[in-house]
C-alpha atoms as a PDB file:
ATOM      1  CA  MET A   1    -149.180-116.892 -90.768  1.00  0.00           C
ATOM      2  CA  THR A   2    -152.720-116.490 -89.462  1.00  0.00           C
ATOM      3  CA  ILE A   3    -155.237-114.990 -91.886  1.00  0.00           C
ATOM      4  CA  ASN A   4    -157.617-112.759 -89.966  1.00  0.00           C
ATOM      5  CA  LYS A   5    -161.129-111.472 -90.692  1.00  0.00           C
ATOM      6  CA  GLU A   6    -159.791-108.322 -92.313  1.00  0.00           C
ATOM      7  CA  ASP A   7    -158.053-110.393 -94.969  1.00  0.00           C
ATOM      8  CA  LYS A   8    -161.361-111.763 -96.195  1.00  0.00           C
ATOM      9  CA  ARG A   9    -162.745-108.251 -96.556  1.00  0.00           C
ATOM     10  CA  ILE A  10    -159.788-107.311 -98.761  1.00  0.00           C
ATOM     11  CA  TYR A  11    -159.700-110.381-101.016  1.00  0.00           C
ATOM     12  CA  SER A  12    -162.342-112.071-103.140  1.00  0.00           C
ATOM     13  CA  ASP A  13    -163.316-115.610-102.148  1.00  0.00           C
ATOM     14  CA  GLU A  14    -161.058-117.086-104.840  1.00  0.00           C
ATOM     15  CA  GLN A  15    -158.131-114.874-103.869  1.00  0.00           C
ATOM     16  CA  TYR A  16    -158.685-115.786-100.228  1.00  0.00           C
ATOM     17  CA  LYS A  17    -158.712-119.506-101.026  1.00  0.00           C
ATOM     18  CA  LYS A  18    -155.518-119.212-103.060  1.00  0.00           C
ATOM     19  CA  LYS A  19    -153.781-117.302-100.288  1.00  0.00           C
ATOM     20  CA  VAL A  20    -154.794-119.787 -97.591  1.00  0.00           C
ATOM     21  CA  THR A  21    -153.955-122.761 -99.814  1.00  0.00           C
ATOM     22  CA  ALA A  22    -150.470-121.372-100.475  1.00  0.00           C
ATOM     23  CA  LYS A  23    -149.875-120.976 -96.738  1.00  0.00           C
ATOM     24  CA  ILE A  24    -151.161-124.513 -96.103  1.00  0.00           C
ATOM     25  CA  LYS A  25    -148.757-125.957 -98.684  1.00  0.00           C
ATOM     26  CA  GLU A  26    -145.882-123.974 -97.214  1.00  0.00           C
ATOM     27  CA  LEU A  27    -146.604-125.218 -93.698  1.00  0.00           C
ATOM     28  CA  GLN A  28    -147.150-128.764 -94.920  1.00  0.00           C
ATOM     29  CA  LYS A  29    -143.536-128.978 -95.993  1.00  0.00           C
ATOM     30  CA  LYS A  30    -142.346-127.420 -92.759  1.00  0.00           C
ATOM     31  CA  ARG A  31    -144.372-129.846 -90.624  1.00  0.00           C
ATOM     32  CA  ASN A  32    -143.641-132.868 -92.845  1.00  0.00           C
ATOM     33  CA  ALA A  33    -147.398-133.410 -93.043  1.00  0.00           C
ATOM     34  CA  ILE A  34    -149.789-135.284 -95.314  1.00  0.00           C
ATOM     35  CA  ILE A  35    -153.428-134.282 -95.801  1.00  0.00           C
ATOM     36  CA  LEU A  36    -156.092-136.997 -96.040  1.00  0.00           C
ATOM     37  CA  ALA A  37    -159.653-136.073 -96.984  1.00  0.00           C
ATOM     38  CA  HIS A  38    -162.900-137.996 -97.234  1.00  0.00           C
ATOM     39  CA  ASN A  39    -164.998-137.778-100.390  1.00  0.00           C
ATOM     40  CA  TYR A  40    -167.678-135.790 -98.520  1.00  0.00           C
ATOM     41  CA  GLN A  41    -165.381-132.891 -97.666  1.00  0.00           C
ATOM     42  CA  ARG A  42    -165.798-129.379 -99.086  1.00  0.00           C
ATOM     43  CA  ASP A  43    -164.578-128.919-102.670  1.00  0.00           C
ATOM     44  CA  GLU A  44    -161.569-126.820-101.673  1.00  0.00           C
ATOM     45  CA  ILE A  45    -160.547-129.369 -99.028  1.00  0.00           C
ATOM     46  CA  GLN A  46    -160.649-132.149-101.603  1.00  0.00           C
ATOM     47  CA  ASP A  47    -158.418-129.984-103.812  1.00  0.00           C
ATOM     48  CA  ILE A  48    -155.655-129.643-101.196  1.00  0.00           C
ATOM     49  CA  ALA A  49    -155.714-133.303-100.143  1.00  0.00           C
ATOM     50  CA  ASP A  50    -152.756-135.526-100.946  1.00  0.00           C
ATOM     51  CA  ILE A  51    -155.065-138.532-100.694  1.00  0.00           C
ATOM     52  CA  ARG A  52    -158.841-138.453-101.067  1.00  0.00           C
ATOM     53  CA  GLY A  53    -161.098-141.460-100.727  1.00  0.00           C
ATOM     54  CA  ASP A  54    -163.673-143.456 -98.818  1.00  0.00           C
ATOM     55  CA  SER A  55    -163.094-144.982 -95.376  1.00  0.00           C
ATOM     56  CA  LEU A  56    -161.471-148.155 -96.744  1.00  0.00           C
ATOM     57  CA  ALA A  57    -159.140-146.320 -99.119  1.00  0.00           C
ATOM     58  CA  LEU A  58    -158.084-143.900 -96.386  1.00  0.00           C
ATOM     59  CA  ALA A  59    -157.524-146.725 -93.887  1.00  0.00           C
ATOM     60  CA  ARG A  60    -155.320-148.560 -96.382  1.00  0.00           C
ATOM     61  CA  ALA A  61    -153.455-145.354 -97.234  1.00  0.00           C
ATOM     62  CA  ALA A  62    -152.815-144.680 -93.543  1.00  0.00           C
ATOM     63  CA  ILE A  63    -150.724-147.846 -93.230  1.00  0.00           C
ATOM     64  CA  ASP A  64    -147.961-146.650 -95.565  1.00  0.00           C
ATOM     65  CA  ILE A  65    -147.685-142.995 -94.557  1.00  0.00           C
ATOM     66  CA  LYS A  66    -144.087-141.798 -94.325  1.00  0.00           C
ATOM     67  CA  GLN A  67    -144.775-138.231 -93.114  1.00  0.00           C
ATOM     68  CA  GLU A  68    -144.551-137.403 -89.411  1.00  0.00           C
ATOM     69  CA  THR A  69    -147.900-135.598 -89.247  1.00  0.00           C
ATOM     70  CA  ILE A  70    -151.322-136.636 -90.577  1.00  0.00           C
ATOM     71  CA  ILE A  71    -153.970-133.955 -91.085  1.00  0.00           C
ATOM     72  CA  PHE A  72    -157.241-135.847 -91.298  1.00  0.00           C
ATOM     73  CA  CYS A  73    -160.031-133.905 -92.984  1.00  0.00           C
ATOM     74  CA  GLY A  74    -163.001-135.999 -91.996  1.00  0.00           C
ATOM     75  CA  VAL A  75    -164.653-136.899 -88.709  1.00  0.00           C
ATOM     76  CA  LEU A  76    -163.337-138.265 -85.422  1.00  0.00           C
ATOM     77  CA  PHE A  77    -163.715-142.011 -86.015  1.00  0.00           C
ATOM     78  CA  MET A  78    -161.623-141.683 -89.203  1.00  0.00           C
ATOM     79  CA  ALA A  79    -158.840-139.805 -87.416  1.00  0.00           C
ATOM     80  CA  GLU A  80    -158.955-142.421 -84.646  1.00  0.00           C
ATOM     81  CA  SER A  81    -158.408-145.179 -87.213  1.00  0.00           C
ATOM     82  CA  ALA A  82    -155.384-143.305 -88.563  1.00  0.00           C
ATOM     83  CA  ALA A  83    -154.048-142.958 -85.000  1.00  0.00           C
ATOM     84  CA  ILE A  84    -154.608-146.677 -84.337  1.00  0.00           C
ATOM     85  CA  LEU A  85    -152.678-147.587 -87.492  1.00  0.00           C
ATOM     86  CA  ASN A  86    -149.956-144.972 -86.850  1.00  0.00           C
ATOM     87  CA  PRO A  87    -149.255-144.863 -83.094  1.00  0.00           C
ATOM     88  CA  ASP A  88    -145.901-143.124 -83.608  1.00  0.00           C
ATOM     89  CA  LYS A  89    -147.254-140.282 -85.758  1.00  0.00           C
ATOM     90  CA  LEU A  90    -149.022-137.057 -84.891  1.00  0.00           C
ATOM     91  CA  VAL A  91    -152.633-137.306 -86.084  1.00  0.00           C
ATOM     92  CA  LEU A  92    -154.571-134.050 -86.191  1.00  0.00           C
ATOM     93  CA  LEU A  93    -158.284-133.429 -86.694  1.00  0.00           C
ATOM     94  CA  PRO A  94    -158.627-129.764 -87.783  1.00  0.00           C
ATOM     95  CA  VAL A  95    -162.045-129.341 -86.138  1.00  0.00           C
ATOM     96  CA  LYS A  96    -162.359-131.132 -82.800  1.00  0.00           C
ATOM     97  CA  GLU A  97    -166.186-130.967 -82.949  1.00  0.00           C
ATOM     98  CA  ALA A  98    -166.305-132.997 -86.183  1.00  0.00           C
ATOM     99  CA  GLY A  99    -168.015-136.116 -84.890  1.00  0.00           C
ATOM    100  CA  CYS A 100    -170.424-138.632 -86.400  1.00  0.00           C
ATOM    101  CA  PRO A 101    -173.957-139.159 -85.022  1.00  0.00           C
ATOM    102  CA  LEU A 102    -174.024-142.682 -86.474  1.00  0.00           C
ATOM    103  CA  ALA A 103    -170.807-143.626 -84.667  1.00  0.00           C
ATOM    104  CA  GLU A 104    -172.233-142.319 -81.415  1.00  0.00           C
ATOM    105  CA  MET A 105    -175.184-144.732 -81.746  1.00  0.00           C
ATOM    106  CA  ALA A 106    -172.816-147.604 -80.899  1.00  0.00           C
ATOM    107  CA  THR A 107    -172.486-147.996 -77.113  1.00  0.00           C
ATOM    108  CA  LEU A 108    -170.495-150.462 -75.023  1.00  0.00           C
ATOM    109  CA  ASP A 109    -173.379-151.306 -72.692  1.00  0.00           C
ATOM    110  CA  LYS A 110    -175.570-152.331 -75.599  1.00  0.00           C
ATOM    111  CA  LEU A 111    -172.740-154.224 -77.280  1.00  0.00           C
ATOM    112  CA  HIS A 112    -172.164-156.243 -74.102  1.00  0.00           C
ATOM    113  CA  LEU A 113    -175.880-157.090 -74.020  1.00  0.00           C
ATOM    114  CA  TYR A 114    -175.730-158.334 -77.612  1.00  0.00           C
ATOM    115  CA  ARG A 115    -172.681-160.460 -76.757  1.00  0.00           C
ATOM    116  CA  LYS A 116    -174.617-162.139 -73.924  1.00  0.00           C
ATOM    117  CA  GLN A 117    -177.745-162.587 -76.020  1.00  0.00           C
ATOM    118  CA  TYR A 118    -175.870-164.028 -79.027  1.00  0.00           C
ATOM    119  CA  PRO A 119    -172.800-165.803 -77.571  1.00  0.00           C
ATOM    120  CA  ASP A 120    -172.047-167.712 -80.796  1.00  0.00           C
ATOM    121  CA  ALA A 121    -172.240-164.673 -83.048  1.00  0.00           C
ATOM    122  CA  ALA A 122    -169.311-162.818 -84.563  1.00  0.00           C
ATOM    123  CA  VAL A 123    -169.485-159.065 -84.044  1.00  0.00           C
ATOM    124  CA  VAL A 124    -168.803-157.009 -87.160  1.00  0.00           C
ATOM    125  CA  CYS A 125    -168.207-153.354 -86.570  1.00  0.00           C
ATOM    126  CA  TYR A 126    -168.652-150.759 -89.316  1.00  0.00           C
ATOM    127  CA  VAL A 127    -165.664-148.379 -89.248  1.00  0.00           C
ATOM    128  CA  ASN A 128    -168.167-145.595 -88.565  1.00  0.00           C
ATOM    129  CA  SER A 129    -167.809-146.268 -84.850  1.00  0.00           C
ATOM    130  CA  PRO A 130    -165.557-145.149 -81.973  1.00  0.00           C
ATOM    131  CA  ALA A 131    -162.203-146.800 -81.251  1.00  0.00           C
ATOM    132  CA  TYR A 132    -163.481-148.319 -77.987  1.00  0.00           C
ATOM    133  CA  ILE A 133    -166.231-150.097 -79.951  1.00  0.00           C
ATOM    134  CA  LYS A 134    -163.751-151.394 -82.528  1.00  0.00           C
ATOM    135  CA  ALA A 135    -161.731-152.775 -79.624  1.00  0.00           C
ATOM    136  CA  GLU A 136    -164.685-154.899 -78.475  1.00  0.00           C
ATOM    137  CA  CYS A 137    -165.570-156.295 -81.917  1.00  0.00           C
ATOM    138  CA  ASP A 138    -164.179-159.243 -83.844  1.00  0.00           C
ATOM    139  CA  ILE A 139    -163.583-157.483 -87.132  1.00  0.00           C
ATOM    140  CA  CYS A 140    -164.256-154.124 -88.768  1.00  0.00           C
ATOM    141  CA  CYS A 141    -165.698-153.433 -92.197  1.00  0.00           C
ATOM    142  CA  THR A 142    -166.485-150.526 -94.481  1.00  0.00           C
ATOM    143  CA  SER A 143    -169.340-150.126 -96.925  1.00  0.00           C
ATOM    144  CA  SER A 144    -166.841-151.202 -99.611  1.00  0.00           C
ATOM    145  CA  ASN A 145    -166.082-154.603 -98.127  1.00  0.00           C
ATOM    146  CA  ALA A 146    -168.922-155.367 -95.673  1.00  0.00           C
ATOM    147  CA  ILE A 147    -170.260-158.270 -97.741  1.00  0.00           C
ATOM    148  CA  LYS A 148    -166.783-159.804 -98.194  1.00  0.00           C
ATOM    149  CA  VAL A 149    -166.030-159.433 -94.474  1.00  0.00           C
ATOM    150  CA  VAL A 150    -169.250-161.149 -93.393  1.00  0.00           C
ATOM    151  CA  LYS A 151    -168.768-163.938 -95.946  1.00  0.00           C
ATOM    152  CA  SER A 152    -165.237-164.513 -94.641  1.00  0.00           C
ATOM    153  CA  LEU A 153    -166.501-165.447 -91.172  1.00  0.00           C
ATOM    154  CA  SER A 154    -167.188-169.035 -90.130  1.00  0.00           C
ATOM    155  CA  ASN A 155    -169.944-167.972 -87.709  1.00  0.00           C
ATOM    156  CA  LYS A 156    -173.521-168.509 -88.855  1.00  0.00           C
ATOM    157  CA  GLN A 157    -174.742-165.588 -86.733  1.00  0.00           C
ATOM    158  CA  VAL A 158    -173.350-162.073 -87.103  1.00  0.00           C
ATOM    159  CA  VAL A 159    -174.109-159.021 -84.988  1.00  0.00           C
ATOM    160  CA  PHE A 160    -173.666-156.061 -87.333  1.00  0.00           C
ATOM    161  CA  LEU A 161    -173.358-152.528 -85.961  1.00  0.00           C
ATOM    162  CA  PRO A 162    -174.157-149.686 -85.941  1.00  0.00           C
ATOM    163  CA  ASP A 163    -175.851-148.942 -89.316  1.00  0.00           C
ATOM    164  CA  ARG A 164    -179.103-150.837 -89.831  1.00  0.00           C
ATOM    165  CA  ASN A 165    -179.383-150.124 -93.560  1.00  0.00           C
ATOM    166  CA  LEU A 166    -175.909-151.411 -94.334  1.00  0.00           C
ATOM    167  CA  ALA A 167    -176.731-154.445 -92.174  1.00  0.00           C
ATOM    168  CA  ARG A 168    -179.932-155.051 -94.143  1.00  0.00           C
ATOM    169  CA  TYR A 169    -178.021-154.753 -97.408  1.00  0.00           C
ATOM    170  CA  VAL A 170    -175.458-157.286 -96.177  1.00  0.00           C
ATOM    171  CA  ALA A 171    -178.230-159.639 -95.024  1.00  0.00           C
ATOM    172  CA  GLN A 172    -179.812-159.471 -98.470  1.00  0.00           C
ATOM    173  CA  ASN A 173    -176.515-160.417-100.105  1.00  0.00           C
ATOM    174  CA  VAL A 174    -175.396-163.032 -97.567  1.00  0.00           C
ATOM    175  CA  PRO A 175    -178.607-165.054 -97.028  1.00  0.00           C
ATOM    176  CA  GLU A 176    -176.701-168.039 -95.639  1.00  0.00           C
ATOM    177  CA  LYS A 177    -176.020-166.123 -92.425  1.00  0.00           C
ATOM    178  CA  GLU A 178    -178.303-164.663 -89.776  1.00  0.00           C
ATOM    179  CA  ILE A 179    -177.554-160.951 -89.449  1.00  0.00           C
ATOM    180  CA  ILE A 180    -178.540-159.410 -86.110  1.00  0.00           C
ATOM    181  CA  ILE A 181    -179.185-155.771 -86.922  1.00  0.00           C
ATOM    182  CA  TRP A 182    -178.191-152.861 -84.685  1.00  0.00           C
ATOM    183  CA  PRO A 183    -180.763-150.022 -84.942  1.00  0.00           C
ATOM    184  CA  GLY A 184    -178.384-147.141 -85.826  1.00  0.00           C
ATOM    185  CA  PHE A 185    -178.591-144.975 -88.936  1.00  0.00           C
ATOM    186  CA  CYS A 186    -176.888-142.174 -90.867  1.00  0.00           C
ATOM    187  CA  ILE A 187    -178.950-138.995 -90.595  1.00  0.00           C
ATOM    188  CA  THR A 188    -177.754-137.778 -94.004  1.00  0.00           C
ATOM    189  CA  HIS A 189    -178.634-140.929 -95.916  1.00  0.00           C
ATOM    190  CA  MET A 190    -181.962-141.175 -94.099  1.00  0.00           C
ATOM    191  CA  ARG A 191    -182.881-137.932 -95.890  1.00  0.00           C
ATOM    192  CA  VAL A 192    -182.917-139.747 -99.234  1.00  0.00           C
ATOM    193  CA  LYS A 193    -186.603-140.441 -99.829  1.00  0.00           C
ATOM    194  CA  GLU A 194    -188.094-142.925-102.265  1.00  0.00           C
ATOM    195  CA  GLU A 195    -190.453-140.347-103.765  1.00  0.00           C
ATOM    196  CA  GLU A 196    -187.545-137.987-104.449  1.00  0.00           C
ATOM    197  CA  VAL A 197    -185.556-140.745-106.117  1.00  0.00           C
ATOM    198  CA  LEU A 198    -188.540-141.680-108.319  1.00  0.00           C
ATOM    199  CA  LYS A 199    -189.045-138.025-109.229  1.00  0.00           C
ATOM    200  CA  ALA A 200    -185.365-137.682-110.153  1.00  0.00           C
ATOM    201  CA  LYS A 201    -185.618-140.799-112.335  1.00  0.00           C
ATOM    202  CA  GLN A 202    -188.629-139.296-114.100  1.00  0.00           C
ATOM    203  CA  GLU A 203    -186.790-136.032-114.682  1.00  0.00           C
ATOM    204  CA  HIS A 204    -183.687-137.855-115.918  1.00  0.00           C
ATOM    205  CA  PRO A 205    -184.980-141.067-117.538  1.00  0.00           C
ATOM    206  CA  ASP A 206    -181.641-141.810-119.179  1.00  0.00           C
ATOM    207  CA  ALA A 207    -179.721-141.538-115.882  1.00  0.00           C
ATOM    208  CA  GLU A 208    -178.606-144.434-113.688  1.00  0.00           C
ATOM    209  CA  LEU A 209    -179.272-144.333-109.958  1.00  0.00           C
ATOM    210  CA  VAL A 210    -176.150-144.995-107.895  1.00  0.00           C
ATOM    211  CA  ALA A 211    -176.860-145.289-104.162  1.00  0.00           C
ATOM    212  CA  HIS A 212    -174.903-145.719-100.946  1.00  0.00           C
ATOM    213  CA  PRO A 213    -175.940-148.786 -98.877  1.00  0.00           C
ATOM    214  CA  GLU A 214    -176.660-146.533 -95.874  1.00  0.00           C
ATOM    215  CA  CYS A 215    -179.828-145.445 -97.734  1.00  0.00           C
ATOM    216  CA  GLU A 216    -183.176-147.004 -96.822  1.00  0.00           C
ATOM    217  CA  PRO A 217    -184.159-150.316 -98.535  1.00  0.00           C
ATOM    218  CA  GLU A 218    -187.020-148.662-100.442  1.00  0.00           C
ATOM    219  CA  VAL A 219    -184.436-146.382-102.063  1.00  0.00           C
ATOM    220  CA  LEU A 220    -181.919-149.145-102.772  1.00  0.00           C
ATOM    221  CA  GLN A 221    -184.517-151.240-104.589  1.00  0.00           C
ATOM    222  CA  HIS A 222    -184.539-148.641-107.387  1.00  0.00           C
ATOM    223  CA  ALA A 223    -180.757-148.399-107.706  1.00  0.00           C
ATOM    224  CA  ASP A 224    -178.787-149.569-110.711  1.00  0.00           C
ATOM    225  CA  CYS A 225    -175.740-149.799-108.487  1.00  0.00           C
ATOM    226  CA  VAL A 226    -175.394-149.917-104.678  1.00  0.00           C
ATOM    227  CA  THR A 227    -171.863-149.204-103.537  1.00  0.00           C
ATOM    228  CA  SER A 228    -169.543-147.163-101.322  1.00  0.00           C
ATOM    229  CA  THR A 229    -168.290-143.736-102.350  1.00  0.00           C
ATOM    230  CA  GLY A 230    -165.080-145.313-103.602  1.00  0.00           C
ATOM    231  CA  GLY A 231    -167.122-147.861-105.518  1.00  0.00           C
ATOM    232  CA  MET A 232    -169.112-145.041-107.108  1.00  0.00           C
ATOM    233  CA  PHE A 233    -165.948-143.619-108.647  1.00  0.00           C
ATOM    234  CA  SER A 234    -165.000-146.985-110.128  1.00  0.00           C
ATOM    235  CA  TYR A 235    -168.499-147.809-111.377  1.00  0.00           C
ATOM    236  CA  ILE A 236    -169.146-144.444-113.005  1.00  0.00           C
ATOM    237  CA  LYS A 237    -165.732-144.281-114.636  1.00  0.00           C
ATOM    238  CA  SER A 238    -166.312-147.633-116.351  1.00  0.00           C
ATOM    239  CA  SER A 239    -169.993-147.064-117.208  1.00  0.00           C
ATOM    240  CA  PRO A 240    -170.924-146.078-120.781  1.00  0.00           C
ATOM    241  CA  LYS A 241    -173.801-144.006-119.355  1.00  0.00           C
ATOM    242  CA  LYS A 242    -173.488-140.212-119.347  1.00  0.00           C
ATOM    243  CA  LYS A 243    -175.950-139.259-116.598  1.00  0.00           C
ATOM    244  CA  PHE A 244    -176.174-140.391-112.969  1.00  0.00           C
ATOM    245  CA  ILE A 245    -178.398-139.712-109.973  1.00  0.00           C
ATOM    246  CA  ILE A 246    -176.175-139.908-106.890  1.00  0.00           C
ATOM    247  CA  ALA A 247    -177.894-140.955-103.655  1.00  0.00           C
ATOM    248  CA  THR A 248    -175.334-139.940-101.077  1.00  0.00           C
ATOM    249  CA  GLU A 249    -173.775-136.797 -99.547  1.00  0.00           C
ATOM    250  CA  LYS A 250    -173.446-133.927-102.025  1.00  0.00           C
ATOM    251  CA  GLY A 251    -169.660-133.641-101.612  1.00  0.00           C
ATOM    252  CA  MET A 252    -169.372-136.605-103.980  1.00  0.00           C
ATOM    253  CA  LEU A 253    -170.496-134.561-106.969  1.00  0.00           C
ATOM    254  CA  TYR A 254    -167.363-132.422-106.992  1.00  0.00           C
ATOM    255  CA  GLY A 255    -164.930-135.308-107.220  1.00  0.00           C
ATOM    256  CA  LEU A 256    -167.093-137.236-109.661  1.00  0.00           C
ATOM    257  CA  GLY A 257    -167.356-134.186-111.902  1.00  0.00           C
ATOM    258  CA  LYS A 258    -163.594-133.657-111.898  1.00  0.00           C
ATOM    259  CA  GLU A 259    -162.843-137.269-112.757  1.00  0.00           C
ATOM    260  CA  ASN A 260    -165.636-137.620-115.326  1.00  0.00           C
ATOM    261  CA  PRO A 261    -165.799-134.313-117.258  1.00  0.00           C
ATOM    262  CA  GLY A 262    -168.070-135.686-119.964  1.00  0.00           C
ATOM    263  CA  LYS A 263    -170.739-136.928-117.556  1.00  0.00           C
ATOM    264  CA  GLU A 264    -173.589-135.275-115.615  1.00  0.00           C
ATOM    265  CA  PHE A 265    -174.569-135.814-111.997  1.00  0.00           C
ATOM    266  CA  PHE A 266    -177.755-135.062-110.095  1.00  0.00           C
ATOM    267  CA  LEU A 267    -178.835-135.251-106.463  1.00  0.00           C
ATOM    268  CA  PRO A 268    -182.321-136.552-105.604  1.00  0.00           C
ATOM    269  CA  SER A 269    -182.516-133.971-102.793  1.00  0.00           C
ATOM    270  CA  GLU A 270    -180.879-130.643-101.967  1.00  0.00           C
ATOM    271  CA  TYR A 271    -180.641-131.647 -98.296  1.00  0.00           C
ATOM    272  CA  LEU A 272    -177.989-134.353 -98.604  1.00  0.00           C
ATOM    273  CA  ILE A 273    -175.377-132.488 -96.591  1.00  0.00           C
ATOM    274  CA  CYS A 274    -173.389-133.907 -93.681  1.00  0.00           C
ATOM    275  CA  ALA A 275    -172.905-130.903 -91.412  1.00  0.00           C
ATOM    276  CA  ASN A 276    -170.037-132.580 -89.575  1.00  0.00           C
ATOM    277  CA  MET A 277    -168.095-133.260 -92.777  1.00  0.00           C
ATOM    278  CA  LYS A 278    -168.561-129.653 -93.830  1.00  0.00           C
ATOM    279  CA  LEU A 279    -167.099-128.242 -90.598  1.00  0.00           C
ATOM    280  CA  THR A 280    -163.563-128.486 -91.977  1.00  0.00           C
ATOM    281  CA  THR A 281    -162.536-125.363 -93.889  1.00  0.00           C
ATOM    282  CA  LEU A 282    -159.252-124.137 -95.343  1.00  0.00           C
ATOM    283  CA  GLY A 283    -158.946-121.809 -92.372  1.00  0.00           C
ATOM    284  CA  TRP A 284    -159.233-124.689 -89.899  1.00  0.00           C
ATOM    285  CA  VAL A 285    -156.642-126.753 -91.804  1.00  0.00           C
ATOM    286  CA  LEU A 286    -154.250-123.801 -91.702  1.00  0.00           C
ATOM    287  CA  HIS A 287    -154.968-123.341 -87.986  1.00  0.00           C
ATOM    288  CA  SER A 288    -154.283-127.034 -87.419  1.00  0.00           C
ATOM    289  CA  LEU A 289    -150.915-126.854 -89.168  1.00  0.00           C
ATOM    290  CA  GLU A 290    -149.923-123.629 -87.445  1.00  0.00           C
ATOM    291  CA  ASN A 291    -150.741-124.830 -83.932  1.00  0.00           C
ATOM    292  CA  LEU A 292    -150.528-128.618 -84.363  1.00  0.00           C
ATOM    293  CA  VAL A 293    -154.114-129.111 -83.181  1.00  0.00           C
ATOM    294  CA  TYR A 294    -156.272-131.034 -82.482  1.00  0.00           C
ATOM    295  CA  GLU A 295    -154.323-134.168 -81.681  1.00  0.00           C
ATOM    296  CA  VAL A 296    -156.219-137.462 -81.780  1.00  0.00           C
ATOM    297  CA  THR A 297    -154.854-140.211 -79.563  1.00  0.00           C
ATOM    298  CA  VAL A 298    -156.161-143.631 -78.561  1.00  0.00           C
ATOM    299  CA  ASP A 299    -155.387-145.321 -75.232  1.00  0.00           C
ATOM    300  CA  LYS A 300    -152.809-148.100 -75.726  1.00  0.00           C
ATOM    301  CA  GLU A 301    -155.028-150.975 -74.546  1.00  0.00           C
ATOM    302  CA  ILE A 302    -157.930-149.839 -76.736  1.00  0.00           C
ATOM    303  CA  ARG A 303    -155.583-149.098 -79.633  1.00  0.00           C
ATOM    304  CA  GLU A 304    -154.041-152.568 -79.623  1.00  0.00           C
ATOM    305  CA  LYS A 305    -157.427-154.329 -79.522  1.00  0.00           C
ATOM    306  CA  ALA A 306    -158.932-152.029 -82.172  1.00  0.00           C
ATOM    307  CA  ARG A 307    -155.865-152.581 -84.350  1.00  0.00           C
ATOM    308  CA  LEU A 308    -156.646-156.310 -84.429  1.00  0.00           C
ATOM    309  CA  SER A 309    -160.162-155.584 -85.735  1.00  0.00           C
ATOM    310  CA  LEU A 310    -158.824-153.228 -88.387  1.00  0.00           C
ATOM    311  CA  ASP A 311    -156.022-155.599 -89.412  1.00  0.00           C
ATOM    312  CA  ARG A 312    -158.488-158.459 -89.814  1.00  0.00           C
ATOM    313  CA  MET A 313    -160.588-156.233 -92.066  1.00  0.00           C
ATOM    314  CA  LEU A 314    -157.611-155.143 -94.154  1.00  0.00           C
ATOM    315  CA  ALA A 315    -156.591-158.787 -94.596  1.00  0.00           C
ATOM    316  CA  VAL A 316    -159.913-159.624 -96.306  1.00  0.00           C
ATOM    317  CA  LYS A 317    -159.429-159.574-100.081  1.00  0.00           C
END
């Protein structure tokens, strides 16, 4: 089944992709597997996915999976969430090095310090964090539901980790609570600069700016809509506008273009690429299915505690 280097010399890129895709689909049936992919994945990975979405959509989808094997085309914290929600299934991350720098900015030592410093505060954990952090928090959230989650809490103080920009955005929209902000950040969204956004708006004066809340506040202040990647799909589909500047990872443009063929999309910067999301290729997905690698597991004690945080999040409507 393996496609070697010589194959790529023989076939064009499109022929190669078709050949690998056919082998993936064949093995999928054999392994009774489902493929989940985040919106930031490569175009061809989005094409082979059975379910594509943002972190919240993928977490919800993971609850009802009937297949025995889950191939998670994303990064480690996402595959961990699938493993937490599906302890009896085989969860595979095609590229074991696909991590998330933002998630790694959340540490247990620092979290314990915050707990001592703010004993009356609820701890809200962005899903972009490791399983062992989720296990020590009160409730998880995604960029789709962060505001709803924080509003649902009775606590007047909330420690929000690890993304500072999402925390600031929540604080702006939930002024009745004190948000204690963790200093983490997404390196991709930090590359969105205000001057680039203003330049893009000048070049496309009839375009709306749609931005992810992980962007800096000076960028968000110019946005017509601030929302998660899943929210971007909903907003743009219902908008009468025909042109949009998208302030998030460039993988979004492929899916948006497919779902909105009559609309145009622009990036404010050519550097909005998450290297970790782009590690997953068709070849690695095929390798994962062939060899059933790389399995993602979560220790039972951590899994059970983290499951409570995820379940509380999923219960927020």
